[in-house]
Amino acid sequence: MKKILFVFFLATFVSCQKNEPEDLFGKTPAERFEQNKNELLAALTASEQGWKLSYFTNSETFGGYTLLMKFDRNGRVEMTSDIGEEFGSTQSQYTIQEAQGTLLVFSTYNHIHKLGDPQNPSDLNGKGLEGEFQFIYYGKEGNKLKFRTQRKDTEQFVYFEPATAQEWSTMQNLWGSIEALGSEPIRHYFKVTANGNVENYSLSLSHRYLTLTSTSNSGKVLKTGVLPTTEGLKFNPPLVIEGKTFTELPWDNNASPARYIATVESVTAEIRFTRNPTPDQLSNDYAELNNISQLVLLNSYVKEAPQTSDLFYNTVFKIDDTKSFSRIDIIFQRGICGIFVEYNFGGTSASLYSVSTFSLRDKRLFIDTPLRDLSSSNMTLWQKPENSAIYAKAQQAIYAILALSRNGLYVKNLQTKYGNRFDTYLFQSYSIPIKFPAIAVPNR
């Protein structure tokens, strides 16, 4: 009996081997891939206005970015985004490949590659914004297309949603709204009203990652990634404020003044703008200057920083269309402040400087009138006739900084590192709408 069963099993097994193993599933792998490829291609090209991707590359570090994409059947994709100041639609190539699944690959450079560029932005020291440009297709969920990213430490599902014509025409507005917050952190503040009690938070925005610090309790900090939308701001992860969960702050243009505002049960959260912030709306970051020996204003850093006022750079750094000062240092030592302007005279660097007293009060930095005439270790070089224009501009730079600080400079820790080492701060004049960033060197 056992022998008969064995022969029957063997005959059945051999008969199965006459078919290719793939045929047990009805199609070969090549046929299944071709089917999946055609399914994805049809889906990508089905939306008249293309698709919208709201992409938080790493919600623990960065905020979100919006990309709009239109695909054709010939491997071309048209794309725009709010990732930077270049909003024009650009075309590139895409392919559908076979990998661990059906893989959508943006194969030539376009907006989405900015999120995966390790050198963009430069202050992230070769890490970039941790974005990807290859996504595994998981099918449809309602009217959305579902994909999975591949990088293990930031693996997540992302969704393509049908885009609208209005979204294509208003992309610049998204960038503008988030840029206003990031470039004016001193004049924006976060207000929470709960059970009749008001608590204000100062805000910092770095790569769309929002840090809120209570102005009355510096140990109370809230953090989240921010995505600008046509309706307002979305949070990822949600903000939990006084036990209530906020996923977004809509923009209310009818409020006076206009603001971002939302109410969840008895708790109201707002982001407001004020031209003249009161002390209870300001952070205590000014006190950190007690632990700082030097502020460094490198030409390239100040010029590229989004917080820098054009008037500041043109007045303080720019000499003419071809020349500018390489750096400016503000040095603090035992109640004395020196402002040093450096220029390279054909291979010889020299600084012109002032010496003043300074104080920290009313949440501001005050630098007083110079104690003596401007000085230099090489005044002869500065005062050469051929250097007269440079000398005059250096004096102007010093007196401009003194004028900005006469009634105090607001101070804001930007929550970013220069060279992955030094804190950066924003300074804004109390009396003149001019601001500039600086790199801080701590006391030894």
Protein backbone atom coordinates (compact mmCIF):
# COMPACT_ATOMS: atom_id res chain seq x y z
CA MET A 1 0.00 0.00 0.00
CA LYS A 2 2.80 2.42 0.92
CA LYS A 3 4.54 1.61 -2.37
CA ILE A 4 1.38 2.39 -4.35
CA LEU A 5 0.97 5.76 -2.58
CA PHE A 6 4.62 6.64 -3.24
CA VAL A 7 4.27 5.86 -6.96
CA PHE A 8 1.08 7.95 -7.13
CA PHE A 9 2.78 10.91 -5.39
CA LEU A 10 5.81 10.66 -7.67
CA ALA A 11 3.67 10.59 -10.79
CA THR A 12 1.71 13.63 -9.61
CA PHE A 13 4.91 15.56 -8.77
CA VAL A 14 6.50 14.81 -12.15
CA SER A 15 3.37 15.84 -14.02
CA CYS A 16 3.43 19.20 -12.21
CA GLN A 17 7.00 19.81 -13.37
CA LYS A 18 5.86 19.87 -16.99
CA ASN A 19 4.65 23.43 -16.34
CA GLU A 20 6.97 26.37 -15.58
CA PRO A 21 6.76 27.24 -11.83
CA GLU A 22 5.58 30.75 -12.75
CA ASP A 23 2.59 29.29 -14.60
CA LEU A 24 1.21 28.00 -11.31
CA PHE A 25 0.11 31.61 -10.74
CA GLY A 26 -1.31 32.06 -14.21
CA LYS A 27 1.35 34.51 -15.51
CA THR A 28 5.12 34.70 -15.71
CA PRO A 29 6.92 37.39 -13.68
CA ALA A 30 7.50 39.35 -16.89
CA GLU A 31 3.80 39.23 -17.71
CA ARG A 32 2.81 40.26 -14.20
CA PHE A 33 5.25 43.19 -14.28
CA GLU A 34 3.91 44.31 -17.66
CA GLN A 35 0.39 44.22 -16.24
CA ASN A 36 1.40 46.21 -13.13
CA LYS A 37 3.35 48.68 -15.26
CA ASN A 38 0.35 49.31 -17.50
CA GLU A 39 -1.90 49.70 -14.47
CA LEU A 40 0.40 52.33 -12.92
CA LEU A 41 0.90 54.10 -16.25
CA ALA A 42 -2.85 54.34 -16.73
CA ALA A 43 -3.28 55.68 -13.20
CA LEU A 44 -0.52 58.29 -13.53
CA THR A 45 -1.97 59.68 -16.76
CA ALA A 46 -5.64 59.54 -15.72
CA SER A 47 -5.79 62.77 -13.70
CA GLU A 48 -6.40 65.78 -15.96
CA GLN A 49 -4.43 68.20 -13.75
CA GLY A 50 -1.91 65.62 -12.61
CA TRP A 51 -1.10 64.72 -9.04
CA LYS A 52 -0.16 66.43 -5.79
CA LEU A 53 2.36 64.96 -3.36
CA SER A 54 2.51 66.47 0.15
CA TYR A 55 5.86 65.10 1.26
CA PHE A 56 7.25 65.11 4.82
CA THR A 57 10.63 63.51 4.17
CA ASN A 58 11.39 63.10 7.89
CA SER A 59 8.70 64.37 10.25
CA GLU A 60 11.10 64.31 13.21
CA THR A 61 13.41 66.86 11.59
CA PHE A 62 11.76 68.67 8.69
CA GLY A 63 8.42 70.06 7.62
CA GLY A 64 6.51 69.24 4.47
CA TYR A 65 6.77 70.24 0.81
CA THR A 66 4.21 70.18 -1.99
CA LEU A 67 4.96 68.86 -5.48
CA LEU A 68 2.61 68.91 -8.47
CA MET A 69 3.21 66.43 -11.31
CA LYS A 70 1.66 65.73 -14.72
CA PHE A 71 2.67 62.50 -16.44
CA ASP A 72 2.36 61.54 -20.10
CA ARG A 73 2.53 58.05 -21.60
CA ASN A 74 5.95 58.67 -23.18
CA GLY A 75 7.97 58.83 -19.97
CA ARG A 76 7.82 62.60 -19.48
CA VAL A 77 6.69 64.39 -16.34
CA GLU A 78 6.01 68.10 -15.81
CA MET A 79 6.62 69.28 -12.27
CA THR A 80 6.54 72.31 -9.97
CA SER A 81 6.90 72.66 -6.21
CA ASP A 82 7.19 75.02 -3.24
CA ILE A 83 10.65 73.70 -2.33
CA GLY A 84 12.45 76.92 -3.29
CA GLU A 85 12.01 80.17 -5.13
CA GLU A 86 11.95 78.54 -8.58
CA PHE A 87 8.27 77.82 -9.24
CA GLY A 88 8.37 77.35 -12.99
CA SER A 89 7.19 74.02 -14.35
CA THR A 90 10.03 71.87 -15.64
CA GLN A 91 9.99 68.63 -17.63
CA SER A 92 12.04 65.54 -16.98
CA GLN A 93 11.93 61.78 -17.49
CA TYR A 94 10.35 59.05 -15.41
CA THR A 95 10.42 55.27 -15.74
CA ILE A 96 8.47 52.37 -14.29
CA GLN A 97 10.81 49.57 -13.24
CA GLU A 98 10.66 46.17 -11.59
CA ALA A 99 12.27 45.90 -8.15
CA GLN A 100 10.74 44.68 -4.88
CA GLY A 101 7.54 45.74 -6.55
CA THR A 102 6.49 48.13 -9.29
CA LEU A 103 8.86 51.07 -8.91
CA LEU A 104 8.18 54.64 -10.06
CA VAL A 105 11.53 56.33 -10.72
CA PHE A 106 12.05 60.03 -11.47
CA SER A 107 15.08 59.30 -13.60
CA THR A 108 16.28 62.79 -14.60
CA TYR A 109 16.56 65.93 -12.50
CA ASN A 110 13.45 67.85 -11.47
CA HIS A 111 11.99 69.59 -8.41
CA ILE A 112 11.71 66.38 -6.38
CA HIS A 113 15.46 65.79 -6.58
CA LYS A 114 16.06 68.93 -4.50
CA LEU A 115 14.74 67.00 -1.52
CA GLY A 116 17.31 64.25 -2.05
CA ASP A 117 20.31 66.46 -2.87
CA PRO A 118 22.85 66.05 -0.02
CA GLN A 119 24.16 69.57 -0.68
CA ASN A 120 20.73 71.22 -0.51
CA PRO A 121 20.56 73.15 1.71
CA SER A 122 24.22 73.72 2.46
CA ASP A 123 23.79 74.06 6.24
CA LEU A 124 22.81 70.38 6.64
CA ASN A 125 26.40 69.24 6.13
CA GLY A 126 25.90 66.73 3.37
CA LYS A 127 22.68 65.15 4.66
CA GLY A 128 20.18 67.19 2.70
CA LEU A 129 16.45 66.97 3.37
CA GLU A 130 16.44 63.14 3.25
CA GLY A 131 13.97 62.94 0.39
CA GLU A 132 13.62 60.17 -2.21
CA PHE A 133 12.77 60.01 -5.90
CA GLN A 134 11.95 56.30 -6.26
CA PHE A 135 8.66 54.97 -4.89
CA ILE A 136 7.14 51.47 -4.77
CA TYR A 137 3.55 51.41 -6.02
CA TYR A 138 0.95 49.82 -3.72
CA GLY A 139 -2.20 50.52 -5.72
CA LYS A 140 -5.15 52.86 -5.28
CA GLU A 141 -6.87 54.03 -2.11
CA GLY A 142 -10.02 55.81 -3.18
CA ASN A 143 -8.92 58.50 -5.63
CA LYS A 144 -5.33 58.45 -4.34
CA LEU A 145 -2.29 56.51 -5.51
CA LYS A 146 -0.40 54.81 -2.67
CA PHE A 147 3.40 54.47 -2.68
CA ARG A 148 6.06 53.44 -0.19
CA THR A 149 9.47 55.05 0.22
CA GLN A 150 12.57 52.84 0.43
CA ARG A 151 15.00 54.42 2.89
CA LYS A 152 14.73 52.33 6.06
CA ASP A 153 15.16 55.09 8.63
CA THR A 154 12.40 57.23 7.06
CA GLU A 155 10.27 54.49 5.46
CA GLN A 156 6.66 55.60 5.05
CA PHE A 157 3.64 55.54 2.79
CA VAL A 158 3.07 58.61 0.63
CA TYR A 159 0.05 59.44 -1.46
CA PHE A 160 -0.50 61.14 -4.80
CA GLU A 161 -3.77 63.09 -4.71
CA PRO A 162 -5.53 64.54 -7.77
CA ALA A 163 -4.27 68.10 -8.33
CA THR A 164 -6.34 71.10 -9.41
CA ALA A 165 -5.70 73.93 -11.85
CA GLN A 166 -5.82 76.39 -8.96
CA GLU A 167 -3.01 74.56 -7.18
CA TRP A 168 -0.80 74.89 -10.25
CA SER A 169 -1.42 78.65 -10.35
CA THR A 170 -0.94 79.35 -6.63
CA MET A 171 2.22 77.38 -5.85
CA GLN A 172 4.19 80.58 -5.25
CA ASN A 173 1.73 81.55 -2.50
CA LEU A 174 2.59 78.42 -0.51
CA TRP A 175 6.28 79.28 -0.53
CA GLY A 176 5.52 82.90 0.34
CA SER A 177 3.44 82.04 3.39
CA ILE A 178 6.06 79.79 4.95
CA GLU A 179 8.88 82.16 3.97
CA ALA A 180 7.14 84.98 5.87
CA LEU A 181 7.21 82.89 9.05
CA GLY A 182 10.79 81.77 8.62
CA SER A 183 12.21 85.19 7.78
CA GLU A 184 10.29 87.09 10.49
CA PRO A 185 10.40 84.87 13.59
CA ILE A 186 10.76 87.81 15.97
CA ARG A 187 7.60 89.52 14.76
CA HIS A 188 5.52 86.35 14.75
CA TYR A 189 4.43 84.68 17.95
CA PHE A 190 2.24 81.75 18.95
CA LYS A 191 -0.65 82.48 21.29
CA VAL A 192 -2.60 79.88 23.28
CA THR A 193 -5.83 80.73 25.09
CA ALA A 194 -7.23 78.06 27.40
CA ASN A 195 -9.96 78.59 30.01
CA GLY A 196 -9.43 82.35 29.85
CA ASN A 197 -5.66 82.10 30.41
CA VAL A 198 -3.20 83.30 27.76
CA GLU A 199 0.27 81.87 27.17
CA ASN A 200 2.59 83.20 24.47
CA TYR A 201 5.30 81.23 22.69
CA SER A 202 8.19 82.51 20.62
CA LEU A 203 8.67 80.59 17.39
CA SER A 204 11.57 79.39 15.29
CA LEU A 205 11.25 77.76 11.89
CA SER A 206 14.14 75.76 10.45
CA HIS A 207 13.58 73.80 7.24
CA ARG A 208 9.86 74.04 7.97
CA TYR A 209 10.28 72.43 11.38
CA LEU A 210 8.56 74.59 13.97
CA THR A 211 9.87 75.06 17.52
CA LEU A 212 7.63 76.89 20.00
CA THR A 213 9.05 78.01 23.36
CA SER A 214 6.90 79.47 26.11
CA THR A 215 8.00 83.03 26.88
CA SER A 216 7.08 82.52 30.55
CA ASN A 217 8.60 79.05 30.94
CA SER A 218 11.58 78.30 28.69
CA GLY A 219 11.37 74.62 29.59
CA LYS A 220 7.99 74.33 27.89
CA VAL A 221 8.68 73.54 24.24
CA LEU A 222 6.44 72.27 21.43
CA LYS A 223 7.77 70.95 18.11
CA THR A 224 6.22 69.87 14.82
CA GLY A 225 6.74 69.83 11.07
CA VAL A 226 4.75 72.38 9.06
CA LEU A 227 3.24 72.11 5.58
CA PRO A 228 1.83 75.28 3.97
CA THR A 229 -1.47 74.73 2.16
CA THR A 230 -3.99 76.93 0.39
CA GLU A 231 -6.07 76.81 3.59
CA GLY A 232 -3.30 77.49 6.13
CA LEU A 233 -0.73 75.29 7.89
CA LYS A 234 -0.82 71.53 8.50
CA PHE A 235 1.14 69.89 11.32
CA ASN A 236 2.95 66.54 11.28
CA PRO A 237 3.03 65.24 13.93
CA PRO A 238 -0.05 66.95 15.38
CA LEU A 239 0.52 69.56 18.09
CA VAL A 240 -0.89 68.65 21.49
CA ILE A 241 -1.69 71.85 23.37
CA GLU A 242 -3.28 71.79 26.81
CA GLY A 243 -4.41 68.23 26.14
CA LYS A 244 -6.05 69.08 22.80
CA THR A 245 -4.80 67.87 19.42
CA PHE A 246 -4.26 70.34 16.58
CA THR A 247 -3.60 69.00 13.08
CA GLU A 248 -3.76 72.36 11.32
CA LEU A 249 -4.10 76.13 11.71
CA PRO A 250 -6.31 77.63 8.99
CA TRP A 251 -5.61 81.16 7.76
CA ASP A 252 -8.38 83.59 8.75
CA ASN A 253 -8.22 86.59 6.45
CA ASN A 254 -11.37 88.06 8.01
CA ALA A 255 -9.93 88.27 11.51
CA SER A 256 -8.51 91.56 12.74
CA PRO A 257 -5.62 91.27 12.39
CA ALA A 258 -5.53 88.38 9.90
CA ARG A 259 -3.92 85.33 11.47
CA TYR A 260 -3.62 81.56 11.59
CA ILE A 261 -6.17 80.36 14.14
CA ALA A 262 -7.99 77.21 15.26
CA THR A 263 -10.07 76.21 18.27
CA VAL A 264 -10.35 72.67 19.62
CA GLU A 265 -13.01 72.54 22.30
CA SER A 266 -11.92 75.13 24.89
CA VAL A 267 -8.39 75.75 23.56
CA THR A 268 -7.55 78.33 20.88
CA ALA A 269 -4.17 78.43 19.14
CA GLU A 270 -3.01 81.32 16.94
CA ILE A 271 0.02 82.52 15.04
CA ARG A 272 0.06 86.31 14.97
CA PHE A 273 2.23 89.01 13.43
CA THR A 274 3.13 92.21 15.25
CA ARG A 275 5.39 95.05 14.14
CA ASN A 276 6.31 95.93 17.71
CA PRO A 277 6.38 92.82 19.90
CA THR A 278 5.89 93.32 23.62
CA PRO A 279 8.23 91.66 26.15
CA ASP A 280 5.68 88.92 26.92
CA GLN A 281 5.68 87.97 23.22
CA LEU A 282 9.47 87.71 22.99
CA SER A 283 11.81 84.87 23.86
CA ASN A 284 14.54 85.13 26.48
CA ASP A 285 17.21 84.31 23.91
CA TYR A 286 18.88 87.67 24.48
CA ALA A 287 20.18 86.32 27.82
CA GLU A 288 22.19 83.67 25.96
CA LEU A 289 24.55 86.43 24.80
CA ASN A 290 26.05 86.30 28.30
CA ASN A 291 27.65 83.03 27.22
CA ILE A 292 28.83 84.26 23.82
CA SER A 293 32.18 85.91 23.17
CA GLN A 294 31.85 86.71 19.48
CA LEU A 295 29.28 87.11 16.71
CA VAL A 296 30.63 86.34 13.24
CA LEU A 297 28.96 87.78 10.14
CA LEU A 298 30.54 85.98 7.19
CA ASN A 299 29.79 87.62 3.86
CA SER A 300 28.54 84.46 2.15
CA TYR A 301 26.42 83.39 5.11
CA VAL A 302 24.75 86.76 5.57
CA LYS A 303 24.18 87.21 1.84
CA GLU A 304 22.47 83.83 1.41
CA ALA A 305 20.43 83.76 4.64
CA PRO A 306 16.70 84.31 4.02
CA GLN A 307 16.43 86.44 7.17
CA THR A 308 18.87 89.11 5.95
CA SER A 309 17.37 92.44 4.97
CA ASP A 310 18.63 93.57 1.57
CA LEU A 311 19.19 97.04 2.97
CA PHE A 312 21.45 95.62 5.68
CA TYR A 313 23.66 93.74 3.23
CA ASN A 314 23.87 96.62 0.78
CA THR A 315 24.64 99.17 3.49
CA VAL A 316 27.00 97.13 5.65
CA PHE A 317 28.76 94.65 3.36
CA LYS A 318 28.59 95.93 -0.19
CA ILE A 319 31.25 98.43 -1.30
CA ASP A 320 30.37 98.55 -5.00
CA ASP A 321 29.32 96.11 -7.72
CA THR A 322 32.62 94.24 -7.56
CA LYS A 323 33.83 94.57 -3.97
CA SER A 324 32.48 93.77 -0.50
CA PHE A 325 33.77 93.17 3.01
CA SER A 326 34.71 89.55 3.76
CA ARG A 327 33.42 89.49 7.34
CA ILE A 328 32.31 91.54 10.30
CA ASP A 329 32.89 90.49 13.91
CA ILE A 330 31.11 91.76 17.01
CA ILE A 331 33.23 90.83 20.03
CA PHE A 332 32.10 91.00 23.67
CA GLN A 333 34.57 91.21 26.53
CA ARG A 334 33.98 92.43 30.09
CA GLY A 335 31.24 94.89 29.24
CA ILE A 336 33.04 96.17 26.13
CA CYS A 337 31.89 95.52 22.56
CA GLY A 338 34.11 95.81 19.51
CA ILE A 339 32.77 95.93 15.94
CA PHE A 340 35.43 94.81 13.44
CA VAL A 341 35.08 95.22 9.66
CA GLU A 342 37.57 93.17 7.64
CA TYR A 343 38.76 93.72 4.07
CA ASN A 344 41.40 92.00 1.98
CA PHE A 345 43.65 94.57 0.31
CA GLY A 346 45.25 92.49 -2.43
CA GLY A 347 46.41 89.73 -0.11
CA THR A 348 46.71 91.79 3.07
CA SER A 349 43.73 91.62 5.42
CA ALA A 350 43.05 94.51 7.77
CA SER A 351 40.24 95.41 10.15
CA LEU A 352 38.73 98.74 11.07
CA TYR A 353 36.99 98.68 14.43
CA SER A 354 35.05 100.59 17.06
CA VAL A 355 34.99 100.09 20.84
CA SER A 356 31.80 100.68 22.85
CA THR A 357 30.06 99.63 26.01
CA PHE A 358 27.04 97.35 25.69
CA SER A 359 24.20 96.06 27.83
CA LEU A 360 21.47 93.41 27.80
CA ARG A 361 18.11 94.65 29.05
CA ASP A 362 14.42 94.72 28.12
CA LYS A 363 15.07 91.55 26.10
CA ARG A 364 17.40 93.47 23.76
CA LEU A 365 21.09 94.04 23.02
CA PHE A 366 22.19 97.68 23.25
CA ILE A 367 25.54 98.83 21.83
CA ASP A 368 26.46 102.35 22.87
CA THR A 369 28.29 105.23 21.18
CA PRO A 370 32.02 104.47 20.60
CA LEU A 371 34.33 105.38 23.46
CA ARG A 372 36.96 106.72 21.05
CA ASP A 373 37.69 107.21 17.36
CA LEU A 374 37.70 104.23 15.04
CA SER A 375 40.95 102.27 15.13
CA SER A 376 42.95 99.74 13.11
CA SER A 377 46.13 97.74 13.41
CA ASN A 378 46.98 99.07 9.93
CA MET A 379 45.36 102.49 9.66
CA THR A 380 47.97 103.55 7.09
CA LEU A 381 46.64 100.95 4.68
CA TRP A 382 43.03 102.01 5.19
CA GLN A 383 43.84 105.67 4.67
CA LYS A 384 45.77 105.32 1.44
CA PRO A 385 44.22 107.57 -1.23
CA GLU A 386 43.43 104.61 -3.49
CA ASN A 387 41.49 103.00 -0.61
CA SER A 388 39.43 106.04 0.30
CA ALA A 389 36.12 104.57 -0.96
CA ILE A 390 36.71 101.33 0.94
CA TYR A 391 37.64 103.25 4.10
CA ALA A 392 34.48 105.36 3.85
CA LYS A 393 32.29 102.26 3.40
CA ALA A 394 33.91 100.54 6.39
CA GLN A 395 33.10 103.54 8.57
CA GLN A 396 29.55 103.50 7.21
CA ALA A 397 29.22 99.79 8.06
CA ILE A 398 30.25 100.32 11.68
CA TYR A 399 28.00 103.33 12.21
CA ALA A 400 25.09 101.53 10.55
CA ILE A 401 25.33 98.67 13.06
CA LEU A 402 25.57 101.18 15.90
CA ALA A 403 22.49 103.01 14.61
CA LEU A 404 20.51 99.77 14.41
CA SER A 405 21.40 98.91 18.00
CA ARG A 406 20.94 102.37 19.52
CA ASN A 407 17.46 101.49 20.78
CA GLY A 408 18.25 97.83 21.09
CA LEU A 409 18.38 94.73 18.93
CA TYR A 410 15.88 91.93 19.43
CA VAL A 411 17.66 88.58 19.69
CA LYS A 412 16.40 85.22 18.41
CA ASN A 413 18.11 81.83 18.50
CA LEU A 414 17.40 80.38 15.05
CA GLN A 415 17.73 76.78 16.29
CA THR A 416 20.14 75.95 13.48
CA LYS A 417 23.85 75.13 13.52
CA TYR A 418 26.51 76.61 11.28
CA GLY A 419 29.02 73.95 10.32
CA ASN A 420 27.16 71.54 12.59
CA ARG A 421 28.81 73.31 15.52
CA PHE A 422 27.92 76.95 16.12
CA ASP A 423 24.49 78.33 17.06
CA THR A 424 23.04 81.00 14.81
CA TYR A 425 21.06 84.05 15.93
CA LEU A 426 18.85 86.65 14.32
CA PHE A 427 19.11 90.32 15.30
CA GLN A 428 16.41 92.84 14.47
CA SER A 429 16.43 96.54 15.19
CA TYR A 430 13.84 97.79 17.65
CA SER A 431 13.36 101.07 15.79
CA ILE A 432 14.19 100.24 12.14
CA PRO A 433 12.71 97.27 10.19
CA ILE A 434 16.12 95.77 9.41
CA LYS A 435 17.48 92.39 10.49
CA PHE A 436 20.56 90.22 10.06
CA PRO A 437 21.81 86.78 11.18
CA ALA A 438 25.09 85.94 12.88
CA ILE A 439 27.13 82.91 13.88
CA ALA A 440 27.79 82.72 17.63
CA VAL A 441 31.11 81.67 19.18
CA PRO A 442 30.63 80.61 22.83
CA ASN A 443 32.80 81.69 25.75
CA ARG A 444 35.77 79.45 26.39
